[in-house]
Amino acid sequence: MTTLDARDTAIRPEPPLAGDETETLLGSLERQRATFAWKVGELDDEALGLRLGPSAMTLGGLIKHLALIEDQVFTHALLGRPLPAPWDAVDWESDVDWEWQSAATDSAAQLYAQWRTSVERSRAAVRRALGDGGLEHSADVVLAGGPPSLRRLLVDVIEEYARHTGHADLIRESIDGLVGEDPPAHNPTWPAPRA
């Protein structure tokens, strides 16, 4: 089974205690991504499709939803580029929950690959925006109050990950009992964070 690996799930330390704003925001986002990846990693197709109680939410749906959020916010809103595949072929007006529903027919390998690809695109988009105005860089999209800054978009995505990592935590615990904020230090199969 293709799964998320050490590149995706290595838990980064908390954001720096005395870091600048950029280091703090990026550190927080990377920690949220890594924690989410740990919660949904190393599962097969069946486990990614399991539901908890009456909720229609699945880990597979969460993976695909957060991949969409990465591309919507950083590729489309921030850079003004069209949504890439598979999002570009979706009729969003007739199926607003497409990513949640279609995840049921995707394999674990497809879901993990889509999320990883979307995250890498997002990292590149954020690097580009940081080099062109820093956190004050205005997004290409204009909302009711004007274009949001990169700062605001980062906060929005951190919030999205925090909310859905909580959902993933509950679903994952129901599958195999995995709980916690970080992988257990005594787990010899857990990769060490990158230096």
N, C-alpha and C. Protein backbone atom coordinates (compact mmCIF):
# COMPACT_ATOMS: atom_id res chain seq x y z
N MET A 1 0.85 -1.18 0.00
CA MET A 1 0.00 0.00 0.00
C MET A 1 0.89 1.24 0.00
N THR A 2 0.63 2.16 -0.90
CA THR A 2 1.33 3.44 -0.88
C THR A 2 0.70 4.29 0.21
N THR A 3 1.52 4.86 1.04
CA THR A 3 1.01 5.63 2.17
C THR A 3 1.77 6.92 2.30
N LEU A 4 1.47 7.66 3.32
CA LEU A 4 2.24 8.85 3.62
C LEU A 4 3.52 8.38 4.28
N ASP A 5 4.63 9.07 4.02
CA ASP A 5 5.90 8.64 4.57
C ASP A 5 6.52 9.73 5.43
N ALA A 6 7.78 9.54 5.80
CA ALA A 6 8.45 10.46 6.72
C ALA A 6 8.44 11.90 6.23
N ARG A 7 8.46 12.11 4.91
CA ARG A 7 8.40 13.48 4.40
C ARG A 7 7.11 14.16 4.81
N ASP A 8 6.05 13.40 4.89
CA ASP A 8 4.73 13.94 5.18
C ASP A 8 4.41 13.98 6.66
N THR A 9 4.87 12.99 7.39
CA THR A 9 4.38 12.80 8.75
C THR A 9 5.38 13.14 9.84
N ALA A 10 6.60 13.51 9.49
CA ALA A 10 7.58 13.85 10.53
C ALA A 10 7.04 15.04 11.32
N ILE A 11 6.80 14.83 12.59
CA ILE A 11 6.23 15.89 13.41
C ILE A 11 7.30 16.94 13.66
N ARG A 12 6.98 18.12 13.24
CA ARG A 12 7.90 19.22 13.46
C ARG A 12 7.71 19.72 14.89
N PRO A 13 8.73 20.38 15.42
CA PRO A 13 8.55 20.96 16.75
C PRO A 13 7.49 22.05 16.71
N GLU A 14 7.07 22.44 17.88
CA GLU A 14 6.14 23.56 17.96
C GLU A 14 6.76 24.75 17.22
N PRO A 15 5.93 25.67 16.73
CA PRO A 15 6.50 26.88 16.13
C PRO A 15 7.43 27.56 17.13
N PRO A 16 8.43 28.27 16.64
CA PRO A 16 9.42 28.86 17.56
C PRO A 16 8.77 29.79 18.59
N LEU A 17 9.28 29.74 19.81
CA LEU A 17 8.74 30.58 20.88
C LEU A 17 8.97 32.06 20.61
N ALA A 18 10.09 32.37 19.98
CA ALA A 18 10.42 33.78 19.73
C ALA A 18 10.69 34.02 18.25
N GLY A 19 10.07 33.22 17.38
CA GLY A 19 10.27 33.39 15.95
C GLY A 19 9.53 34.60 15.43
N ASP A 20 9.89 34.99 14.22
CA ASP A 20 9.14 36.10 13.61
C ASP A 20 7.79 35.57 13.14
N GLU A 21 6.98 36.46 12.62
CA GLU A 21 5.62 36.10 12.23
C GLU A 21 5.60 35.03 11.15
N THR A 22 6.47 35.15 10.16
CA THR A 22 6.51 34.18 9.08
C THR A 22 6.89 32.80 9.60
N GLU A 23 7.95 32.74 10.42
CA GLU A 23 8.37 31.46 10.99
C GLU A 23 7.27 30.82 11.83
N THR A 24 6.56 31.65 12.58
CA THR A 24 5.50 31.14 13.44
C THR A 24 4.34 30.59 12.63
N LEU A 25 3.90 31.33 11.62
CA LEU A 25 2.78 30.87 10.79
C LEU A 25 3.15 29.62 10.00
N LEU A 26 4.32 29.63 9.35
CA LEU A 26 4.72 28.46 8.56
C LEU A 26 4.98 27.25 9.46
N GLY A 27 5.58 27.49 10.63
CA GLY A 27 5.81 26.40 11.57
C GLY A 27 4.51 25.78 12.04
N SER A 28 3.53 26.61 12.30
CA SER A 28 2.22 26.11 12.73
C SER A 28 1.54 25.32 11.63
N LEU A 29 1.57 25.84 10.40
CA LEU A 29 0.95 25.12 9.29
C LEU A 29 1.62 23.78 9.05
N GLU A 30 2.95 23.75 9.06
CA GLU A 30 3.65 22.48 8.83
C GLU A 30 3.37 21.48 9.94
N ARG A 31 3.28 21.96 11.16
CA ARG A 31 2.95 21.05 12.27
C ARG A 31 1.54 20.49 12.10
N GLN A 32 0.60 21.33 11.70
CA GLN A 32 -0.77 20.85 11.47
C GLN A 32 -0.81 19.82 10.35
N ARG A 33 -0.09 20.11 9.26
CA ARG A 33 -0.05 19.15 8.14
C ARG A 33 0.52 17.82 8.59
N ALA A 34 1.63 17.86 9.33
CA ALA A 34 2.28 16.63 9.75
C ALA A 34 1.41 15.84 10.73
N THR A 35 0.74 16.53 11.63
CA THR A 35 -0.14 15.84 12.58
C THR A 35 -1.31 15.20 11.84
N PHE A 36 -1.88 15.93 10.89
CA PHE A 36 -2.97 15.36 10.08
C PHE A 36 -2.47 14.13 9.33
N ALA A 37 -1.30 14.24 8.70
CA ALA A 37 -0.76 13.11 7.94
C ALA A 37 -0.55 11.89 8.83
N TRP A 38 -0.11 12.11 10.05
CA TRP A 38 0.07 11.00 10.99
C TRP A 38 -1.28 10.35 11.30
N LYS A 39 -2.30 11.16 11.50
CA LYS A 39 -3.62 10.64 11.86
C LYS A 39 -4.26 9.83 10.73
N VAL A 40 -3.96 10.16 9.49
CA VAL A 40 -4.60 9.47 8.37
C VAL A 40 -3.67 8.49 7.66
N GLY A 41 -2.41 8.42 8.09
CA GLY A 41 -1.41 7.61 7.39
C GLY A 41 -1.49 6.12 7.70
N GLU A 42 -0.85 5.36 6.83
CA GLU A 42 -0.69 3.92 7.00
C GLU A 42 -2.00 3.16 7.13
N LEU A 43 -2.99 3.58 6.35
CA LEU A 43 -4.28 2.90 6.35
C LEU A 43 -4.61 2.41 4.94
N ASP A 44 -5.43 1.38 4.86
CA ASP A 44 -5.82 0.86 3.56
C ASP A 44 -7.13 1.51 3.10
N ASP A 45 -7.56 1.12 1.91
CA ASP A 45 -8.78 1.69 1.32
C ASP A 45 -9.98 1.55 2.25
N GLU A 46 -10.13 0.35 2.82
CA GLU A 46 -11.29 0.11 3.68
C GLU A 46 -11.28 1.04 4.90
N ALA A 47 -10.14 1.16 5.56
CA ALA A 47 -10.06 2.01 6.76
C ALA A 47 -10.32 3.47 6.42
N LEU A 48 -9.85 3.92 5.26
CA LEU A 48 -10.07 5.32 4.87
C LEU A 48 -11.54 5.60 4.56
N GLY A 49 -12.33 4.56 4.34
CA GLY A 49 -13.74 4.73 4.04
C GLY A 49 -14.67 4.53 5.23
N LEU A 50 -14.12 4.20 6.39
CA LEU A 50 -14.96 3.96 7.56
C LEU A 50 -15.56 5.26 8.10
N ARG A 51 -16.77 5.14 8.63
CA ARG A 51 -17.49 6.29 9.20
C ARG A 51 -17.66 6.07 10.70
N LEU A 52 -17.82 7.17 11.40
CA LEU A 52 -18.02 7.12 12.84
C LEU A 52 -19.44 7.59 13.14
N GLY A 53 -20.25 6.69 13.70
CA GLY A 53 -21.63 7.06 14.03
C GLY A 53 -22.42 7.46 12.79
N PRO A 54 -23.31 8.43 12.95
CA PRO A 54 -24.16 8.84 11.83
C PRO A 54 -23.47 9.78 10.84
N SER A 55 -22.25 10.19 11.12
CA SER A 55 -21.56 11.13 10.25
C SER A 55 -21.18 10.48 8.92
N ALA A 56 -21.24 11.25 7.85
CA ALA A 56 -20.81 10.78 6.53
C ALA A 56 -19.32 11.00 6.32
N MET A 57 -18.65 11.64 7.28
CA MET A 57 -17.24 11.98 7.15
C MET A 57 -16.37 10.73 7.25
N THR A 58 -15.36 10.65 6.37
CA THR A 58 -14.39 9.57 6.39
C THR A 58 -12.99 10.17 6.37
N LEU A 59 -12.00 9.38 6.72
CA LEU A 59 -10.62 9.86 6.62
C LEU A 59 -10.25 10.12 5.17
N GLY A 60 -10.73 9.27 4.26
CA GLY A 60 -10.48 9.50 2.84
C GLY A 60 -11.07 10.82 2.38
N GLY A 61 -12.29 11.11 2.82
CA GLY A 61 -12.93 12.39 2.49
C GLY A 61 -12.15 13.56 3.06
N LEU A 62 -11.64 13.42 4.28
CA LEU A 62 -10.84 14.49 4.88
C LEU A 62 -9.56 14.73 4.08
N ILE A 63 -8.90 13.66 3.66
CA ILE A 63 -7.68 13.80 2.88
C ILE A 63 -7.97 14.57 1.59
N LYS A 64 -9.01 14.15 0.89
CA LYS A 64 -9.32 14.80 -0.39
C LYS A 64 -9.81 16.23 -0.18
N HIS A 65 -10.58 16.47 0.87
CA HIS A 65 -11.05 17.82 1.17
C HIS A 65 -9.87 18.76 1.45
N LEU A 66 -8.92 18.31 2.26
CA LEU A 66 -7.78 19.18 2.56
C LEU A 66 -6.87 19.36 1.36
N ALA A 67 -6.80 18.38 0.48
CA ALA A 67 -6.07 18.57 -0.78
C ALA A 67 -6.73 19.67 -1.60
N LEU A 68 -8.06 19.65 -1.66
CA LEU A 68 -8.80 20.70 -2.36
C LEU A 68 -8.56 22.06 -1.71
N ILE A 69 -8.63 22.14 -0.39
CA ILE A 69 -8.40 23.41 0.31
C ILE A 69 -7.02 23.96 -0.03
N GLU A 70 -6.01 23.10 -0.02
CA GLU A 70 -4.65 23.55 -0.37
C GLU A 70 -4.65 24.21 -1.75
N ASP A 71 -5.26 23.55 -2.73
CA ASP A 71 -5.27 24.10 -4.09
C ASP A 71 -6.18 25.30 -4.23
N GLN A 72 -7.34 25.28 -3.58
CA GLN A 72 -8.24 26.44 -3.66
C GLN A 72 -7.59 27.69 -3.08
N VAL A 73 -6.96 27.54 -1.93
CA VAL A 73 -6.42 28.71 -1.24
C VAL A 73 -5.12 29.19 -1.85
N PHE A 74 -4.16 28.29 -2.05
CA PHE A 74 -2.83 28.74 -2.44
C PHE A 74 -2.60 28.77 -3.95
N THR A 75 -3.16 27.83 -4.70
CA THR A 75 -2.99 27.85 -6.15
C THR A 75 -3.97 28.83 -6.79
N HIS A 76 -5.24 28.72 -6.42
CA HIS A 76 -6.27 29.54 -7.05
C HIS A 76 -6.38 30.94 -6.43
N ALA A 77 -6.69 31.02 -5.15
CA ALA A 77 -6.93 32.33 -4.53
C ALA A 77 -5.65 33.16 -4.44
N LEU A 78 -4.57 32.57 -3.98
CA LEU A 78 -3.33 33.33 -3.79
C LEU A 78 -2.69 33.70 -5.12
N LEU A 79 -2.50 32.73 -6.00
CA LEU A 79 -1.78 32.98 -7.25
C LEU A 79 -2.68 33.30 -8.43
N GLY A 80 -3.98 33.04 -8.30
CA GLY A 80 -4.90 33.33 -9.39
C GLY A 80 -4.85 32.34 -10.53
N ARG A 81 -4.30 31.18 -10.29
CA ARG A 81 -4.24 30.15 -11.32
C ARG A 81 -5.51 29.32 -11.30
N PRO A 82 -5.86 28.72 -12.45
CA PRO A 82 -7.02 27.82 -12.45
C PRO A 82 -6.75 26.62 -11.55
N LEU A 83 -7.81 26.06 -11.01
CA LEU A 83 -7.65 24.85 -10.22
C LEU A 83 -7.09 23.75 -11.12
N PRO A 84 -6.11 23.00 -10.62
CA PRO A 84 -5.56 21.89 -11.40
C PRO A 84 -6.45 20.66 -11.31
N ALA A 85 -6.09 19.63 -12.06
CA ALA A 85 -6.79 18.35 -11.98
C ALA A 85 -6.64 17.79 -10.57
N PRO A 86 -7.63 17.13 -10.06
CA PRO A 86 -8.90 16.77 -10.67
C PRO A 86 -9.99 17.83 -10.50
N TRP A 87 -9.69 18.87 -9.76
CA TRP A 87 -10.70 19.88 -9.39
C TRP A 87 -11.24 20.64 -10.60
N ASP A 88 -10.43 20.77 -11.65
CA ASP A 88 -10.83 21.57 -12.81
C ASP A 88 -11.98 20.97 -13.60
N ALA A 89 -12.21 19.67 -13.45
CA ALA A 89 -13.25 19.00 -14.22
C ALA A 89 -14.57 18.84 -13.45
N VAL A 90 -14.62 19.37 -12.24
CA VAL A 90 -15.80 19.19 -11.39
C VAL A 90 -16.81 20.30 -11.63
N ASP A 91 -18.08 19.91 -11.71
CA ASP A 91 -19.17 20.89 -11.77
C ASP A 91 -19.57 21.20 -10.32
N TRP A 92 -18.91 22.18 -9.73
CA TRP A 92 -19.08 22.49 -8.32
C TRP A 92 -20.49 22.99 -8.00
N GLU A 93 -21.15 23.60 -8.96
CA GLU A 93 -22.50 24.10 -8.71
C GLU A 93 -23.49 22.96 -8.51
N SER A 94 -23.29 21.85 -9.21
CA SER A 94 -24.23 20.73 -9.07
C SER A 94 -23.78 19.73 -8.01
N ASP A 95 -22.52 19.78 -7.58
CA ASP A 95 -22.03 18.83 -6.57
C ASP A 95 -21.02 19.53 -5.66
N VAL A 96 -21.53 20.30 -4.71
CA VAL A 96 -20.66 21.09 -3.84
C VAL A 96 -19.82 20.23 -2.90
N ASP A 97 -20.20 18.99 -2.69
CA ASP A 97 -19.45 18.08 -1.82
C ASP A 97 -18.71 17.00 -2.61
N TRP A 98 -18.36 17.30 -3.83
CA TRP A 98 -17.76 16.31 -4.71
C TRP A 98 -16.54 15.64 -4.09
N GLU A 99 -15.67 16.41 -3.48
CA GLU A 99 -14.44 15.81 -2.94
C GLU A 99 -14.75 14.80 -1.84
N TRP A 100 -15.75 15.09 -1.03
CA TRP A 100 -16.13 14.17 0.04
C TRP A 100 -16.72 12.88 -0.53
N GLN A 101 -17.61 13.01 -1.52
CA GLN A 101 -18.29 11.85 -2.10
C GLN A 101 -17.34 11.01 -2.96
N SER A 102 -16.56 11.67 -3.79
CA SER A 102 -15.70 10.93 -4.73
C SER A 102 -14.55 10.22 -4.05
N ALA A 103 -14.19 10.63 -2.84
CA ALA A 103 -13.10 9.97 -2.12
C ALA A 103 -13.42 8.49 -1.89
N ALA A 104 -14.68 8.15 -1.84
CA ALA A 104 -15.08 6.76 -1.60
C ALA A 104 -14.64 5.82 -2.71
N THR A 105 -14.43 6.35 -3.91
CA THR A 105 -14.01 5.50 -5.03
C THR A 105 -12.51 5.60 -5.31
N ASP A 106 -11.80 6.41 -4.55
CA ASP A 106 -10.35 6.54 -4.72
C ASP A 106 -9.63 5.54 -3.81
N SER A 107 -8.50 5.05 -4.28
CA SER A 107 -7.69 4.16 -3.44
C SER A 107 -6.90 5.00 -2.44
N ALA A 108 -6.39 4.33 -1.43
CA ALA A 108 -5.54 5.02 -0.46
C ALA A 108 -4.36 5.66 -1.17
N ALA A 109 -3.75 4.93 -2.11
CA ALA A 109 -2.60 5.48 -2.84
C ALA A 109 -2.98 6.75 -3.60
N GLN A 110 -4.14 6.75 -4.24
CA GLN A 110 -4.58 7.95 -4.97
C GLN A 110 -4.82 9.12 -4.02
N LEU A 111 -5.46 8.86 -2.90
CA LEU A 111 -5.75 9.93 -1.95
C LEU A 111 -4.47 10.51 -1.37
N TYR A 112 -3.56 9.64 -0.94
CA TYR A 112 -2.30 10.12 -0.37
C TYR A 112 -1.50 10.91 -1.42
N ALA A 113 -1.47 10.41 -2.65
CA ALA A 113 -0.73 11.11 -3.72
C ALA A 113 -1.34 12.47 -4.02
N GLN A 114 -2.67 12.55 -4.07
CA GLN A 114 -3.33 13.83 -4.34
C GLN A 114 -3.01 14.84 -3.24
N TRP A 115 -3.11 14.43 -1.99
CA TRP A 115 -2.82 15.34 -0.88
C TRP A 115 -1.37 15.82 -0.93
N ARG A 116 -0.45 14.87 -1.14
CA ARG A 116 0.97 15.23 -1.19
C ARG A 116 1.24 16.22 -2.33
N THR A 117 0.67 15.97 -3.51
CA THR A 117 0.86 16.86 -4.66
C THR A 117 0.30 18.25 -4.37
N SER A 118 -0.87 18.31 -3.78
CA SER A 118 -1.49 19.60 -3.46
C SER A 118 -0.66 20.37 -2.43
N VAL A 119 -0.14 19.67 -1.42
CA VAL A 119 0.69 20.32 -0.41
C VAL A 119 1.97 20.87 -1.04
N GLU A 120 2.60 20.10 -1.91
CA GLU A 120 3.83 20.58 -2.55
C GLU A 120 3.55 21.81 -3.42
N ARG A 121 2.44 21.81 -4.14
CA ARG A 121 2.06 22.99 -4.92
C ARG A 121 1.87 24.20 -4.01
N SER A 122 1.22 23.96 -2.88
CA SER A 122 0.97 25.04 -1.92
C SER A 122 2.26 25.60 -1.36
N ARG A 123 3.18 24.72 -1.00
CA ARG A 123 4.47 25.20 -0.47
C ARG A 123 5.17 26.08 -1.50
N ALA A 124 5.14 25.68 -2.76
CA ALA A 124 5.77 26.48 -3.82
C ALA A 124 5.05 27.82 -3.97
N ALA A 125 3.74 27.82 -3.91
CA ALA A 125 2.97 29.07 -4.05
C ALA A 125 3.28 30.02 -2.90
N VAL A 126 3.36 29.50 -1.69
CA VAL A 126 3.66 30.34 -0.52
C VAL A 126 5.07 30.90 -0.63
N ARG A 127 6.05 30.07 -1.04
CA ARG A 127 7.42 30.58 -1.22
C ARG A 127 7.44 31.73 -2.23
N ARG A 128 6.70 31.54 -3.31
CA ARG A 128 6.64 32.59 -4.34
C ARG A 128 6.05 33.88 -3.78
N ALA A 129 4.95 33.77 -3.06
CA ALA A 129 4.30 34.96 -2.49
C ALA A 129 5.17 35.62 -1.43
N LEU A 130 5.86 34.82 -0.62
CA LEU A 130 6.75 35.40 0.38
C LEU A 130 7.88 36.19 -0.27
N GLY A 131 8.34 35.72 -1.43
CA GLY A 131 9.38 36.44 -2.16
C GLY A 131 8.86 37.67 -2.88
N ASP A 132 7.55 37.80 -2.95
CA ASP A 132 6.93 38.92 -3.66
C ASP A 132 5.96 39.67 -2.74
N GLY A 133 6.51 40.21 -1.66
CA GLY A 133 5.67 41.00 -0.76
C GLY A 133 5.53 40.43 0.63
N GLY A 134 6.07 39.25 0.86
CA GLY A 134 5.99 38.66 2.20
C GLY A 134 4.55 38.38 2.61
N LEU A 135 4.31 38.45 3.89
CA LEU A 135 2.97 38.16 4.41
C LEU A 135 1.94 39.17 3.96
N GLU A 136 2.39 40.34 3.52
CA GLU A 136 1.48 41.38 3.02
C GLU A 136 1.04 41.13 1.58
N HIS A 137 1.66 40.16 0.91
CA HIS A 137 1.31 39.85 -0.47
C HIS A 137 -0.20 39.68 -0.59
N SER A 138 -0.80 40.42 -1.51
CA SER A 138 -2.25 40.34 -1.71
C SER A 138 -2.59 39.17 -2.62
N ALA A 139 -3.60 38.43 -2.22
CA ALA A 139 -4.08 37.32 -3.04
C ALA A 139 -4.67 37.85 -4.33
N ASP A 140 -4.71 37.00 -5.32
CA ASP A 140 -5.29 37.37 -6.61
C ASP A 140 -6.81 37.49 -6.52
N VAL A 141 -7.43 36.70 -5.67
CA VAL A 141 -8.88 36.72 -5.53
C VAL A 141 -9.30 37.94 -4.70
N VAL A 142 -10.43 38.51 -5.05
CA VAL A 142 -10.96 39.65 -4.30
C VAL A 142 -12.24 39.22 -3.61
N LEU A 143 -12.27 39.38 -2.30
CA LEU A 143 -13.46 39.07 -1.51
C LEU A 143 -14.22 40.36 -1.25
N ALA A 144 -15.29 40.29 -0.48
CA ALA A 144 -16.13 41.46 -0.22
C ALA A 144 -15.33 42.63 0.34
N GLY A 145 -14.35 42.36 1.20
CA GLY A 145 -13.54 43.41 1.80
C GLY A 145 -12.26 43.70 1.06
N GLY A 146 -12.06 43.10 -0.09
CA GLY A 146 -10.82 43.27 -0.85
C GLY A 146 -10.02 41.99 -0.88
N PRO A 147 -8.83 42.04 -1.46
CA PRO A 147 -8.02 40.82 -1.53
C PRO A 147 -7.39 40.50 -0.17
N PRO A 148 -7.49 39.26 0.28
CA PRO A 148 -6.86 38.90 1.54
C PRO A 148 -5.34 38.83 1.38
N SER A 149 -4.64 39.03 2.47
CA SER A 149 -3.19 38.92 2.46
C SER A 149 -2.79 37.45 2.59
N LEU A 150 -1.53 37.17 2.25
CA LEU A 150 -1.00 35.82 2.48
C LEU A 150 -1.14 35.46 3.95
N ARG A 151 -0.91 36.41 4.83
CA ARG A 151 -1.05 36.18 6.27
C ARG A 151 -2.43 35.60 6.59
N ARG A 152 -3.46 36.23 6.07
CA ARG A 152 -4.84 35.79 6.33
C ARG A 152 -5.08 34.39 5.75
N LEU A 153 -4.57 34.13 4.56
CA LEU A 153 -4.77 32.82 3.95
C LEU A 153 -4.08 31.73 4.76
N LEU A 154 -2.89 32.01 5.27
CA LEU A 154 -2.19 31.03 6.10
C LEU A 154 -3.01 30.73 7.36
N VAL A 155 -3.54 31.76 7.99
CA VAL A 155 -4.35 31.55 9.19
C VAL A 155 -5.59 30.72 8.86
N ASP A 156 -6.22 31.00 7.72
CA ASP A 156 -7.40 30.24 7.32
C ASP A 156 -7.08 28.75 7.13
N VAL A 157 -5.96 28.45 6.51
CA VAL A 157 -5.60 27.05 6.26
C VAL A 157 -5.19 26.35 7.56
N ILE A 158 -4.48 27.06 8.44
CA ILE A 158 -4.15 26.50 9.75
C ILE A 158 -5.44 26.13 10.49
N GLU A 159 -6.41 27.03 10.46
CA GLU A 159 -7.71 26.77 11.11
C GLU A 159 -8.39 25.54 10.50
N GLU A 160 -8.36 25.44 9.17
CA GLU A 160 -8.99 24.30 8.49
C GLU A 160 -8.34 22.99 8.91
N TYR A 161 -7.01 22.96 8.95
CA TYR A 161 -6.31 21.75 9.39
C TYR A 161 -6.61 21.43 10.85
N ALA A 162 -6.61 22.44 11.71
CA ALA A 162 -6.85 22.19 13.13
C ALA A 162 -8.22 21.54 13.34
N ARG A 163 -9.23 22.08 12.67
CA ARG A 163 -10.59 21.54 12.81
C ARG A 163 -10.64 20.10 12.31
N HIS A 164 -10.10 19.86 11.13
CA HIS A 164 -10.23 18.53 10.54
C HIS A 164 -9.27 17.51 11.14
N THR A 165 -8.17 17.95 11.72
CA THR A 165 -7.31 17.01 12.43
C THR A 165 -8.03 16.48 13.67
N GLY A 166 -8.85 17.31 14.28
CA GLY A 166 -9.68 16.84 15.39
C GLY A 166 -10.67 15.78 14.94
N HIS A 167 -11.29 16.00 13.78
CA HIS A 167 -12.18 14.98 13.23
C HIS A 167 -11.41 13.68 12.96
N ALA A 168 -10.24 13.83 12.33
CA ALA A 168 -9.42 12.66 12.00
C ALA A 168 -9.02 11.90 13.25
N ASP A 169 -8.73 12.62 14.32
CA ASP A 169 -8.33 12.00 15.58
C ASP A 169 -9.42 11.06 16.10
N LEU A 170 -10.66 11.53 16.07
CA LEU A 170 -11.77 10.70 16.55
C LEU A 170 -12.00 9.47 15.66
N ILE A 171 -11.97 9.70 14.35
CA ILE A 171 -12.21 8.58 13.43
C ILE A 171 -11.08 7.56 13.55
N ARG A 172 -9.83 8.03 13.59
CA ARG A 172 -8.69 7.11 13.67
C ARG A 172 -8.73 6.30 14.96
N GLU A 173 -9.08 6.93 16.07
CA GLU A 173 -9.16 6.19 17.33
C GLU A 173 -10.17 5.05 17.21
N SER A 174 -11.26 5.28 16.50
CA SER A 174 -12.28 4.23 16.36
C SER A 174 -11.79 3.08 15.47
N ILE A 175 -10.79 3.33 14.64
CA ILE A 175 -10.27 2.29 13.73
C ILE A 175 -9.27 1.39 14.44
N ASP A 176 -8.25 2.00 15.06
CA ASP A 176 -7.19 1.17 15.64
C ASP A 176 -6.67 1.68 16.98
N GLY A 177 -7.37 2.64 17.57
CA GLY A 177 -6.97 3.12 18.89
C GLY A 177 -5.87 4.16 18.90
N LEU A 178 -5.37 4.56 17.74
CA LEU A 178 -4.29 5.54 17.69
C LEU A 178 -4.80 6.88 18.21
N VAL A 179 -4.13 7.42 19.22
CA VAL A 179 -4.52 8.70 19.81
C VAL A 179 -3.27 9.51 20.10
N GLY A 180 -3.46 10.76 20.39
CA GLY A 180 -2.36 11.62 20.83
C GLY A 180 -2.08 12.74 19.86
N GLU A 181 -1.26 13.66 20.33
CA GLU A 181 -0.88 14.81 19.51
C GLU A 181 0.33 14.48 18.63
N ASP A 182 1.22 13.63 19.16
CA ASP A 182 2.43 13.23 18.45
C ASP A 182 2.57 11.72 18.51
N PRO A 183 3.32 11.16 17.56
CA PRO A 183 3.59 9.72 17.63
C PRO A 183 4.35 9.39 18.91
N PRO A 184 4.11 8.21 19.47
CA PRO A 184 4.84 7.83 20.68
C PRO A 184 6.34 7.78 20.42
N ALA A 185 7.11 8.34 21.33
CA ALA A 185 8.57 8.37 21.18
C ALA A 185 9.16 6.97 21.19
N HIS A 186 8.48 6.05 21.86
CA HIS A 186 9.01 4.69 21.96
C HIS A 186 8.69 3.82 20.74
N ASN A 187 7.99 4.36 19.78
CA ASN A 187 7.62 3.58 18.60
C ASN A 187 8.81 3.49 17.66
N PRO A 188 9.48 2.34 17.57
CA PRO A 188 10.68 2.24 16.74
C PRO A 188 10.41 2.36 15.25
N THR A 189 9.16 2.21 14.83
CA THR A 189 8.87 2.32 13.40
C THR A 189 8.61 3.77 12.99
N TRP A 190 8.55 4.65 13.97
CA TRP A 190 8.23 6.04 13.66
C TRP A 190 9.50 6.77 13.24
N PRO A 191 9.51 7.43 12.07
CA PRO A 191 10.72 8.11 11.60
C PRO A 191 11.00 9.37 12.42
N ALA A 192 12.27 9.65 12.58
CA ALA A 192 12.68 10.87 13.28
C ALA A 192 12.43 12.08 12.38
N PRO A 193 12.15 13.24 12.97
CA PRO A 193 11.97 14.45 12.16
C PRO A 193 13.23 14.78 11.37
N ARG A 194 13.02 15.38 10.20
CA ARG A 194 14.16 15.82 9.39
C ARG A 194 14.88 16.94 10.11
N ALA A 195 16.18 16.99 9.95
CA ALA A 195 16.97 18.07 10.57
C ALA A 195 16.85 19.34 9.76
